[in-house]
C-alpha atoms as a PDB file:
ATOM      1  CA  MET A   1       8.057 -14.970 -19.833  1.00  0.00           C
ATOM      2  CA  THR A   2       4.988 -14.457 -17.689  1.00  0.00           C
ATOM      3  CA  LEU A   3       4.118 -15.818 -14.611  1.00  0.00           C
ATOM      4  CA  VAL A   4       0.597 -15.543 -12.950  1.00  0.00           C
ATOM      5  CA  LEU A   5       1.167 -15.637  -9.428  1.00  0.00           C
ATOM      6  CA  LEU A   6      -1.405 -16.025  -7.164  1.00  0.00           C
ATOM      7  CA  ASN A   7      -1.686 -15.808  -3.193  1.00  0.00           C
ATOM      8  CA  PRO A   8      -3.812 -18.393  -1.797  1.00  0.00           C
ATOM      9  CA  HIS A   9      -4.316 -16.321   1.255  1.00  0.00           C
ATOM     10  CA  ALA A  10      -5.665 -13.405  -0.316  1.00  0.00           C
ATOM     11  CA  GLN A  11      -9.439 -12.461   0.535  1.00  0.00           C
ATOM     12  CA  GLY A  12      -9.210 -14.924   3.637  1.00  0.00           C
ATOM     13  CA  GLY A  13      -8.112 -17.962   1.237  1.00  0.00           C
ATOM     14  CA  ARG A  14     -11.126 -17.174  -1.190  1.00  0.00           C
ATOM     15  CA  ALA A  15      -8.766 -16.068  -3.964  1.00  0.00           C
ATOM     16  CA  ALA A  16      -7.588 -19.819  -4.037  1.00  0.00           C
ATOM     17  CA  ARG A  17     -11.043 -20.831  -5.186  1.00  0.00           C
ATOM     18  CA  ARG A  18     -10.100 -18.916  -8.749  1.00  0.00           C
ATOM     19  CA  ILE A  19      -7.474 -21.252  -9.606  1.00  0.00           C
ATOM     20  CA  PRO A  20      -9.566 -23.686 -11.518  1.00  0.00           C
ATOM     21  CA  ALA A  21     -10.971 -21.006 -13.607  1.00  0.00           C
ATOM     22  CA  LEU A  22      -7.604 -18.780 -14.095  1.00  0.00           C
ATOM     23  CA  ARG A  23      -6.007 -22.115 -15.292  1.00  0.00           C
ATOM     24  CA  ASP A  24      -8.653 -22.996 -18.057  1.00  0.00           C
ATOM     25  CA  TRP A  25      -8.562 -19.145 -19.321  1.00  0.00           C
ATOM     26  CA  LEU A  26      -4.659 -19.423 -19.604  1.00  0.00           C
ATOM     27  CA  THR A  27      -4.621 -22.821 -21.288  1.00  0.00           C
ATOM     28  CA  GLN A  28      -7.049 -21.304 -23.939  1.00  0.00           C
ATOM     29  CA  HIS A  29      -5.766 -17.779 -24.312  1.00  0.00           C
ATOM     30  CA  ALA A  30      -2.060 -17.612 -22.877  1.00  0.00           C
ATOM     31  CA  PRO A  31      -0.620 -21.084 -22.918  1.00  0.00           C
ATOM     32  CA  GLU A  32       2.875 -19.735 -22.721  1.00  0.00           C
ATOM     33  CA  ALA A  33       2.209 -18.302 -19.168  1.00  0.00           C
ATOM     34  CA  GLN A  34       2.447 -20.198 -16.117  1.00  0.00           C
ATOM     35  CA  LEU A  35       0.122 -20.005 -13.101  1.00  0.00           C
ATOM     36  CA  ALA A  36       1.343 -20.756  -9.492  1.00  0.00           C
ATOM     37  CA  ALA A  37       0.080 -20.276  -6.219  1.00  0.00           C
ATOM     38  CA  PRO A  38       2.790 -21.346  -3.781  1.00  0.00           C
ATOM     39  CA  GLU A  39       1.517 -21.311   0.233  1.00  0.00           C
ATOM     40  CA  ALA A  40       4.628 -20.053   1.530  1.00  0.00           C
ATOM     41  CA  LEU A  41       5.943 -16.590   1.022  1.00  0.00           C
ATOM     42  CA  ALA A  42       9.508 -17.634   0.585  1.00  0.00           C
ATOM     43  CA  ASP A  43       8.510 -20.068  -2.179  1.00  0.00           C
ATOM     44  CA  SER A  44       6.561 -17.142  -4.061  1.00  0.00           C
ATOM     45  CA  ILE A  45       9.744 -14.979  -3.802  1.00  0.00           C
ATOM     46  CA  ALA A  46      11.784 -17.606  -5.171  1.00  0.00           C
ATOM     47  CA  MET A  47      10.040 -18.029  -8.031  1.00  0.00           C
ATOM     48  CA  LEU A  48      10.134 -14.443  -8.749  1.00  0.00           C
ATOM     49  CA  GLN A  49      13.936 -14.353  -8.042  1.00  0.00           C
ATOM     50  CA  ALA A  50      14.104 -17.339 -10.849  1.00  0.00           C
ATOM     51  CA  LEU A  51      12.411 -15.178 -13.643  1.00  0.00           C
ATOM     52  CA  PRO A  52      14.659 -13.414 -16.313  1.00  0.00           C
ATOM     53  CA  GLU A  53      14.715  -9.867 -15.884  1.00  0.00           C
ATOM     54  CA  GLY A  54      11.994  -8.149 -17.819  1.00  0.00           C
ATOM     55  CA  SER A  55       9.549 -10.749 -17.563  1.00  0.00           C
ATOM     56  CA  ARG A  56       5.807 -10.134 -16.817  1.00  0.00           C
ATOM     57  CA  VAL A  57       4.272 -11.029 -13.463  1.00  0.00           C
ATOM     58  CA  VAL A  58       0.466 -10.962 -13.128  1.00  0.00           C
ATOM     59  CA  VAL A  59      -0.286 -10.661  -9.359  1.00  0.00           C
ATOM     60  CA  VAL A  60      -3.657 -11.970  -8.243  1.00  0.00           C
ATOM     61  CA  GLY A  61      -4.005 -10.446  -4.892  1.00  0.00           C
ATOM     62  CA  GLY A  62      -4.258  -7.312  -2.817  1.00  0.00           C
ATOM     63  CA  ASP A  63      -2.063  -4.411  -1.397  1.00  0.00           C
ATOM     64  CA  GLY A  64      -0.387  -7.035   1.044  1.00  0.00           C
ATOM     65  CA  THR A  65       0.400  -9.206  -1.477  1.00  0.00           C
ATOM     66  CA  LEU A  66       2.123  -6.426  -3.384  1.00  0.00           C
ATOM     67  CA  ASN A  67       3.945  -5.384  -0.713  1.00  0.00           C
ATOM     68  CA  ARG A  68       5.677  -8.671   0.284  1.00  0.00           C
ATOM     69  CA  TRP A  69       6.557  -9.223  -3.405  1.00  0.00           C
ATOM     70  CA  LEU A  70       7.586  -5.412  -4.293  1.00  0.00           C
ATOM     71  CA  PRO A  71      11.364  -5.606  -3.272  1.00  0.00           C
ATOM     72  CA  THR A  72      11.766  -8.668  -5.510  1.00  0.00           C
ATOM     73  CA  LEU A  73       9.793  -7.157  -8.468  1.00  0.00           C
ATOM     74  CA  LEU A  74      11.898  -4.053  -8.188  1.00  0.00           C
ATOM     75  CA  ALA A  75      15.083  -5.786  -7.848  1.00  0.00           C
ATOM     76  CA  ARG A  76      14.524  -8.228 -10.680  1.00  0.00           C
ATOM     77  CA  ARG A  77      13.176  -5.355 -12.846  1.00  0.00           C
ATOM     78  CA  LEU A  78      10.143  -7.334 -13.467  1.00  0.00           C
ATOM     79  CA  SER A  79       6.823  -5.579 -15.070  1.00  0.00           C
ATOM     80  CA  MET A  80       3.648  -6.143 -13.138  1.00  0.00           C
ATOM     81  CA  GLY A  81       0.037  -6.838 -14.524  1.00  0.00           C
ATOM     82  CA  LEU A  82      -2.617  -7.003 -11.544  1.00  0.00           C
ATOM     83  CA  VAL A  83      -6.119  -9.000 -11.024  1.00  0.00           C
ATOM     84  CA  PRO A  84      -7.234  -7.304  -8.044  1.00  0.00           C
ATOM     85  CA  MET A  85      -8.387  -9.982  -5.188  1.00  0.00           C
ATOM     86  CA  GLY A  86      -7.443  -8.332  -1.839  1.00  0.00           C
ATOM     87  CA  SER A  87      -9.127  -6.591   1.037  1.00  0.00           C
ATOM     88  CA  GLY A  88      -7.736  -2.780   0.229  1.00  0.00           C
ATOM     89  CA  ASN A  89      -7.048  -2.735  -3.278  1.00  0.00           C
ATOM     90  CA  ASP A  90      -5.733   0.746  -3.219  1.00  0.00           C
ATOM     91  CA  THR A  91      -3.132   0.195  -5.992  1.00  0.00           C
ATOM     92  CA  ALA A  92      -5.692  -1.367  -8.066  1.00  0.00           C
ATOM     93  CA  ARG A  93      -7.976   1.557  -7.633  1.00  0.00           C
ATOM     94  CA  ALA A  94      -5.093   3.912  -8.816  1.00  0.00           C
ATOM     95  CA  LEU A  95      -4.164   1.308 -11.623  1.00  0.00           C
ATOM     96  CA  GLY A  96      -7.881   1.615 -13.004  1.00  0.00           C
ATOM     97  CA  VAL A  97      -8.435  -2.078 -12.426  1.00  0.00           C
ATOM     98  CA  PHE A  98     -10.430  -2.032  -9.263  1.00  0.00           C
ATOM     99  CA  GLY A  99     -13.866  -3.256  -9.606  1.00  0.00           C
ATOM    100  CA  LEU A 100     -13.075  -5.408 -12.852  1.00  0.00           C
ATOM    101  CA  PRO A 101     -14.208  -9.184 -13.059  1.00  0.00           C
ATOM    102  CA  TRP A 102     -11.064 -11.321 -13.285  1.00  0.00           C
ATOM    103  CA  THR A 103     -11.904 -12.338 -16.737  1.00  0.00           C
ATOM    104  CA  GLN A 104     -11.635  -8.501 -17.923  1.00  0.00           C
ATOM    105  CA  ALA A 105      -8.589  -8.071 -15.316  1.00  0.00           C
ATOM    106  CA  LEU A 106      -6.670 -11.244 -16.246  1.00  0.00           C
ATOM    107  CA  PRO A 107      -6.268 -10.508 -20.042  1.00  0.00           C
ATOM    108  CA  LEU A 108      -5.307  -6.774 -19.501  1.00  0.00           C
ATOM    109  CA  ALA A 109      -2.523  -8.051 -17.108  1.00  0.00           C
ATOM    110  CA  VAL A 110      -1.340 -10.693 -19.112  1.00  0.00           C
ATOM    111  CA  GLN A 111      -1.597  -8.701 -22.737  1.00  0.00           C
ATOM    112  CA  GLY A 112      -1.473  -4.881 -21.743  1.00  0.00           C
ATOM    113  CA  PRO A 113       1.312  -2.784 -22.388  1.00  0.00           C
ATOM    114  CA  ALA A 114       3.434  -1.563 -19.328  1.00  0.00           C
ATOM    115  CA  GLN A 115       4.014   1.681 -18.393  1.00  0.00           C
ATOM    116  CA  SER A 116       6.504   3.280 -15.677  1.00  0.00           C
ATOM    117  CA  MET A 117       5.011   4.462 -12.074  1.00  0.00           C
ATOM    118  CA  ASP A 118       6.657   5.599  -8.903  1.00  0.00           C
ATOM    119  CA  THR A 119       7.144   3.822  -6.006  1.00  0.00           C
ATOM    120  CA  GLY A 120       8.275   4.660  -2.246  1.00  0.00           C
ATOM    121  CA  LEU A 121      10.958   3.624  -0.028  1.00  0.00           C
ATOM    122  CA  ALA A 122      11.195   3.708   3.542  1.00  0.00           C
ATOM    123  CA  SER A 123      14.311   3.637   5.320  1.00  0.00           C
ATOM    124  CA  TRP A 124      13.630   3.417   8.976  1.00  0.00           C
ATOM    125  CA  SER A 125      15.250   2.418  12.389  1.00  0.00           C
ATOM    126  CA  ASP A 126      13.307   0.454  15.050  1.00  0.00           C
ATOM    127  CA  LEU A 127      13.576   0.688  18.885  1.00  0.00           C
ATOM    128  CA  GLN A 128      16.364  -1.673  18.973  1.00  0.00           C
ATOM    129  CA  GLY A 129      18.425   0.584  16.428  1.00  0.00           C
ATOM    130  CA  ILE A 130      18.058  -1.913  13.588  1.00  0.00           C
ATOM    131  CA  ARG A 131      17.559  -0.515   9.962  1.00  0.00           C
ATOM    132  CA  HIS A 132      15.063  -1.641   7.772  1.00  0.00           C
ATOM    133  CA  GLU A 133      14.378  -1.118   3.920  1.00  0.00           C
ATOM    134  CA  THR A 134      10.615  -1.123   2.914  1.00  0.00           C
ATOM    135  CA  PRO A 135       9.446  -0.379  -0.498  1.00  0.00           C
ATOM    136  CA  PHE A 136       5.969   0.660  -0.821  1.00  0.00           C
ATOM    137  CA  LEU A 137       3.198   1.069  -3.879  1.00  0.00           C
ATOM    138  CA  SER A 138       0.479   2.853  -2.228  1.00  0.00           C
ATOM    139  CA  SER A 139       1.106   4.406   1.313  1.00  0.00           C
ATOM    140  CA  LEU A 140       3.553   4.762   3.828  1.00  0.00           C
ATOM    141  CA  THR A 141       1.774   5.700   7.397  1.00  0.00           C
ATOM    142  CA  ALA A 142       3.000   6.653  10.564  1.00  0.00           C
ATOM    143  CA  GLY A 143       0.767   7.145  13.771  1.00  0.00           C
ATOM    144  CA  PHE A 144      -2.845   6.597  14.093  1.00  0.00           C
ATOM    145  CA  ASP A 145      -3.580   5.297  10.890  1.00  0.00           C
ATOM    146  CA  SER A 146      -0.821   2.753  11.148  1.00  0.00           C
ATOM    147  CA  ALA A 147      -2.063   1.670  14.555  1.00  0.00           C
ATOM    148  CA  VAL A 148      -5.547   1.529  12.434  1.00  0.00           C
ATOM    149  CA  GLY A 149      -3.911  -0.678  10.096  1.00  0.00           C
ATOM    150  CA  LEU A 150      -2.752  -3.039  12.414  1.00  0.00           C
ATOM    151  CA  ARG A 151      -6.290  -3.799  14.079  1.00  0.00           C
ATOM    152  CA  ALA A 152      -7.766  -4.186  10.397  1.00  0.00           C
ATOM    153  CA  LEU A 153      -5.247  -7.076   9.789  1.00  0.00           C
ATOM    154  CA  ASN A 154      -6.300  -8.605  12.910  1.00  0.00           C
ATOM    155  CA  GLY A 155      -9.895  -8.077  12.480  1.00  0.00           C
ATOM    156  CA  PRO A 156     -12.582 -10.810  11.804  1.00  0.00           C
ATOM    157  CA  PRO A 157     -11.900 -12.425   8.696  1.00  0.00           C
ATOM    158  CA  TRP A 158     -15.607 -12.015   7.403  1.00  0.00           C
ATOM    159  CA  LEU A 159     -15.536  -8.159   7.380  1.00  0.00           C
ATOM    160  CA  ARG A 160     -13.526  -6.783   3.964  1.00  0.00           C
ATOM    161  CA  GLY A 161     -12.776  -3.585   2.409  1.00  0.00           C
ATOM    162  CA  LEU A 162     -13.925  -0.120   3.976  1.00  0.00           C
ATOM    163  CA  PRO A 163     -16.271  -1.572   6.787  1.00  0.00           C
ATOM    164  CA  ARG A 164     -12.953  -3.580   8.143  1.00  0.00           C
ATOM    165  CA  TYR A 165     -11.205  -0.092   8.238  1.00  0.00           C
ATOM    166  CA  LEU A 166     -13.889   1.594   9.874  1.00  0.00           C
ATOM    167  CA  ARG A 167     -14.407  -1.129  12.535  1.00  0.00           C
ATOM    168  CA  ALA A 168     -10.367  -0.707  13.316  1.00  0.00           C
ATOM    169  CA  THR A 169     -10.823   2.962  13.542  1.00  0.00           C
ATOM    170  CA  LEU A 170     -13.332   2.906  16.104  1.00  0.00           C
ATOM    171  CA  HIS A 171     -11.616   0.515  18.263  1.00  0.00           C
ATOM    172  CA  GLU A 172      -8.569   2.594  17.898  1.00  0.00           C
ATOM    173  CA  LEU A 173     -10.318   5.503  19.214  1.00  0.00           C
ATOM    174  CA  ILE A 174     -10.705   3.975  22.621  1.00  0.00           C
ATOM    175  CA  HIS A 175      -6.938   4.200  22.776  1.00  0.00           C
ATOM    176  CA  LEU A 176      -6.405   7.420  21.132  1.00  0.00           C
ATOM    177  CA  ARG A 177      -2.874   8.585  21.183  1.00  0.00           C
ATOM    178  CA  THR A 178      -0.858  11.468  19.671  1.00  0.00           C
ATOM    179  CA  TRP A 179       2.949  11.039  18.665  1.00  0.00           C
ATOM    180  CA  ASP A 180       5.569  13.826  19.054  1.00  0.00           C
ATOM    181  CA  LEU A 181       7.270  14.034  15.697  1.00  0.00           C
ATOM    182  CA  THR A 182       9.662  16.188  13.847  1.00  0.00           C
ATOM    183  CA  LEU A 183       9.354  16.257   9.968  1.00  0.00           C
ATOM    184  CA  HIS A 184      11.649  17.471   7.622  1.00  0.00           C
ATOM    185  CA  SER A 185      10.670  17.784   4.092  1.00  0.00           C
ATOM    186  CA  ASP A 186      13.019  18.453   1.078  1.00  0.00           C
ATOM    187  CA  GLY A 187      15.449  19.446   3.934  1.00  0.00           C
ATOM    188  CA  GLN A 188      12.950  22.230   5.286  1.00  0.00           C
ATOM    189  CA  LEU A 189      11.703  21.862   8.841  1.00  0.00           C
ATOM    190  CA  LYS A 190       7.792  21.085   8.219  1.00  0.00           C
ATOM    191  CA  HIS A 191       6.610  20.318  11.512  1.00  0.00           C
ATOM    192  CA  GLN A 192       7.714  19.821  15.295  1.00  0.00           C
ATOM    193  CA  GLY A 193       5.187  18.438  17.807  1.00  0.00           C
ATOM    194  CA  ALA A 194       2.296  16.280  18.803  1.00  0.00           C
ATOM    195  CA  CYS A 195       0.455  15.064  15.651  1.00  0.00           C
ATOM    196  CA  LEU A 196      -2.292  12.042  14.991  1.00  0.00           C
ATOM    197  CA  PHE A 197      -0.552  10.987  12.056  1.00  0.00           C
ATOM    198  CA  ALA A 198       1.968  11.753   9.131  1.00  0.00           C
ATOM    199  CA  SER A 199       1.575   9.755   6.235  1.00  0.00           C
ATOM    200  CA  SER A 200       2.814   9.492   2.745  1.00  0.00           C
ATOM    201  CA  LEU A 201       0.634   8.589  -0.483  1.00  0.00           C
ATOM    202  CA  ASN A 202       1.826   7.488  -3.600  1.00  0.00           C
ATOM    203  CA  THR A 203      -1.972   6.624  -4.689  1.00  0.00           C
ATOM    204  CA  PRO A 204      -4.991   9.017  -4.307  1.00  0.00           C
ATOM    205  CA  THR A 205      -6.687   6.554  -1.667  1.00  0.00           C
ATOM    206  CA  PHE A 206      -5.539   4.350   1.476  1.00  0.00           C
ATOM    207  CA  GLY A 207      -7.558   2.409   4.026  1.00  0.00           C
ATOM    208  CA  SER A 208      -9.400   0.455   1.234  1.00  0.00           C
ATOM    209  CA  GLY A 209     -10.626   3.677  -1.021  1.00  0.00           C
ATOM    210  CA  MET A 210     -10.620   6.626   1.690  1.00  0.00           C
ATOM    211  CA  PRO A 211      -9.479   9.390  -0.886  1.00  0.00           C
ATOM    212  CA  ALA A 212      -6.819  10.553   1.798  1.00  0.00           C
ATOM    213  CA  VAL A 213      -4.660  12.566  -0.963  1.00  0.00           C
ATOM    214  CA  PRO A 214      -7.135  12.973  -4.216  1.00  0.00           C
ATOM    215  CA  HIS A 215      -4.611  15.007  -6.187  1.00  0.00           C
ATOM    216  CA  ALA A 216      -1.911  12.154  -5.801  1.00  0.00           C
ATOM    217  CA  ARG A 217      -0.423  10.825  -9.002  1.00  0.00           C
ATOM    218  CA  LEU A 218       1.469   7.293  -9.740  1.00  0.00           C
ATOM    219  CA  THR A 219       3.858   9.132 -12.308  1.00  0.00           C
ATOM    220  CA  ASP A 220       4.555  12.786 -10.884  1.00  0.00           C
ATOM    221  CA  GLY A 221       8.136  11.751  -9.583  1.00  0.00           C
ATOM    222  CA  GLN A 222       7.029  12.699  -5.962  1.00  0.00           C
ATOM    223  CA  LEU A 223       4.842  11.458  -2.895  1.00  0.00           C
ATOM    224  CA  ASP A 224       2.233  13.520  -0.958  1.00  0.00           C
ATOM    225  CA  ALA A 225       2.715  14.136   2.964  1.00  0.00           C
ATOM    226  CA  LEU A 226      -0.587  14.101   4.825  1.00  0.00           C
ATOM    227  CA  LEU A 227      -0.230  15.462   8.295  1.00  0.00           C
ATOM    228  CA  ALA A 228      -3.023  15.685  11.108  1.00  0.00           C
ATOM    229  CA  GLY A 229      -2.299  17.453  14.304  1.00  0.00           C
ATOM    230  CA  THR A 230      -4.062  16.862  17.493  1.00  0.00           C
ATOM    231  CA  PHE A 231      -7.487  15.720  17.741  1.00  0.00           C
ATOM    232  CA  ASP A 232      -9.593  14.231  20.745  1.00  0.00           C
ATOM    233  CA  ARG A 233     -11.769  11.526  20.024  1.00  0.00           C
ATOM    234  CA  LEU A 234     -15.038  13.759  19.034  1.00  0.00           C
ATOM    235  CA  GLY A 235     -12.496  15.588  16.644  1.00  0.00           C
ATOM    236  CA  VAL A 236     -11.769  12.243  15.099  1.00  0.00           C
ATOM    237  CA  LEU A 237     -15.085  11.242  14.752  1.00  0.00           C
ATOM    238  CA  LEU A 238     -16.027  14.310  13.095  1.00  0.00           C
ATOM    239  CA  MET A 239     -13.204  14.079  10.661  1.00  0.00           C
ATOM    240  CA  LEU A 240     -14.008  10.512   9.481  1.00  0.00           C
ATOM    241  CA  PRO A 241     -16.738  11.619   7.270  1.00  0.00           C
ATOM    242  CA  ARG A 242     -14.707  14.278   5.628  1.00  0.00           C
ATOM    243  CA  LEU A 243     -12.072  11.848   4.738  1.00  0.00           C
ATOM    244  CA  LEU A 244     -14.602   9.531   3.428  1.00  0.00           C
ATOM    245  CA  ILE A 245     -15.486  12.085   0.741  1.00  0.00           C
ATOM    246  CA  GLY A 246     -12.101  13.585   0.485  1.00  0.00           C
ATOM    247  CA  GLN A 247     -13.259  17.052   2.009  1.00  0.00           C
ATOM    248  CA  HIS A 248     -10.524  16.826   5.073  1.00  0.00           C
ATOM    249  CA  LEU A 249      -7.804  18.852   3.716  1.00  0.00           C
ATOM    250  CA  SER A 250      -9.627  22.201   4.352  1.00  0.00           C
ATOM    251  CA  HIS A 251      -9.565  21.250   7.941  1.00  0.00           C
ATOM    252  CA  PRO A 252      -7.224  23.697   9.927  1.00  0.00           C
ATOM    253  CA  ARG A 253      -5.274  20.857  11.644  1.00  0.00           C
ATOM    254  CA  VAL A 254      -4.978  18.868   8.232  1.00  0.00           C
ATOM    255  CA  SER A 255      -2.270  19.685   5.625  1.00  0.00           C
ATOM    256  CA  SER A 256      -0.903  18.096   2.613  1.00  0.00           C
ATOM    257  CA  TRP A 257       2.135  18.835   0.395  1.00  0.00           C
ATOM    258  CA  PRO A 258       4.372  17.017  -2.209  1.00  0.00           C
ATOM    259  CA  TYR A 259       7.674  16.127  -1.628  1.00  0.00           C
ATOM    260  CA  ARG A 260      10.785  13.978  -2.691  1.00  0.00           C
ATOM    261  CA  GLN A 261      12.286  13.043   0.594  1.00  0.00           C
ATOM    262  CA  LEU A 262      10.801  13.125   4.239  1.00  0.00           C
ATOM    263  CA  GLU A 263      12.662  12.748   7.533  1.00  0.00           C
ATOM    264  CA  ILE A 264      10.519  11.527  10.333  1.00  0.00           C
ATOM    265  CA  ALA A 265      12.049  11.389  13.834  1.00  0.00           C
ATOM    266  CA  CYS A 266      10.191  10.057  17.218  1.00  0.00           C
ATOM    267  CA  PRO A 267      12.361   9.253  19.874  1.00  0.00           C
ATOM    268  CA  GLN A 268       9.666   7.109  21.651  1.00  0.00           C
ATOM    269  CA  GLY A 269       8.799   5.350  18.702  1.00  0.00           C
ATOM    270  CA  VAL A 270       6.023   5.665  16.065  1.00  0.00           C
ATOM    271  CA  PRO A 271       3.917   2.679  14.619  1.00  0.00           C
ATOM    272  CA  LEU A 272       4.595   2.427  10.870  1.00  0.00           C
ATOM    273  CA  ALA A 273       2.650   0.325   8.094  1.00  0.00           C
ATOM    274  CA  ALA A 274       3.427   0.185   4.496  1.00  0.00           C
ATOM    275  CA  ASP A 275       0.540  -0.721   1.880  1.00  0.00           C
ATOM    276  CA  GLY A 276      -1.627  -1.459   4.985  1.00  0.00           C
ATOM    277  CA  GLU A 277       0.804  -4.017   6.397  1.00  0.00           C
ATOM    278  CA  TYR A 278       2.125  -3.293   9.930  1.00  0.00           C
ATOM    279  CA  LEU A 279       6.182  -2.784  10.100  1.00  0.00           C
ATOM    280  CA  GLY A 280       6.792  -1.971  13.762  1.00  0.00           C
ATOM    281  CA  GLN A 281       7.863   1.034  15.783  1.00  0.00           C
ATOM    282  CA  ALA A 282      10.194   3.694  14.346  1.00  0.00           C
ATOM    283  CA  GLN A 283      12.275   6.105  15.827  1.00  0.00           C
ATOM    284  CA  GLN A 284      13.798   7.222  12.719  1.00  0.00           C
ATOM    285  CA  ALA A 285      12.436   7.119   9.142  1.00  0.00           C
ATOM    286  CA  THR A 286      13.323   8.422   5.811  1.00  0.00           C
ATOM    287  CA  VAL A 287      10.619   8.264   3.062  1.00  0.00           C
ATOM    288  CA  SER A 288      11.749   8.618  -0.578  1.00  0.00           C
ATOM    289  CA  CYS A 289      10.013   8.657  -3.807  1.00  0.00           C
ATOM    290  CA  GLN A 290      11.878   6.349  -6.486  1.00  0.00           C
ATOM    291  CA  ALA A 291      10.535   7.722  -9.625  1.00  0.00           C
ATOM    292  CA  ALA A 292       9.616   5.677 -12.436  1.00  0.00           C
ATOM    293  CA  SER A 293      10.825   2.622 -10.936  1.00  0.00           C
ATOM    294  CA  LEU A 294       8.317   0.177 -11.915  1.00  0.00           C
ATOM    295  CA  GLN A 295       6.605  -1.174 -14.986  1.00  0.00           C
ATOM    296  CA  VAL A 296       2.900  -1.672 -14.614  1.00  0.00           C
ATOM    297  CA  VAL A 297      -0.133  -2.379 -16.535  1.00  0.00           C
ATOM    298  CA  ARG A 298      -2.539   0.420 -16.492  1.00  0.00           C
ATOM    299  CA  ARG A 299      -6.109   0.952 -17.706  1.00  0.00           C
END
């Protein structure tokens, strides 16, 4: 069975305008496929839960849409195709479908063969000690970039993509903070002390195309950590152009390494975000790679 599931709120509601054209294409070329665009998150999840295991789901939306539906995609062992209609689209970049018009992305997503890819899983405790389990496709950020992600989500609806994240970054600089983090990577102490952020990448980019870890791969059975030490405002401003062109990894206060499990501890709480979606303040987090856990259509 194939379900084409559109998030009508994606792209600030503009994705919903594609429904008639998508329906017409499916009627002509894939009449067996079902198109749905439920308004409520609970309704879309209920539709996913009702699918037989192994069904194909074509997601029409962006990274936030994928993140909300990912737990059910994994639990039901559903394969996924993607028609990118979001603001960030970092998963679409990694799958090779970013920039495709929907007239090309939809046939590929419906009819293309699926391949295995890794996902990440964050198991974390909030400031009240409540445990959470959050899978992610692209990134799990901790610190400055999570705070930027929250500002981006609350930014003006008319601003999209990378400019939205750059605006949020400049606003976050006004309230620049560091966090006292202890990191253990695959059982080894990797860092202890103040830092700007400690993030994990499954895709090469985050923040709407910033090449955070250009060498990251979806199928290598590991995630890539990205750690930034302490920076003042000027240091962050000077680092941003290097990040935009993928030249930041040579900076002495920036490091990256592959891992399978990362332990993060911050007694005061550090902001977390998954695939750009703000999660909350975490005192502890365990970030793990779930190797070959999702079947996806790639280009």
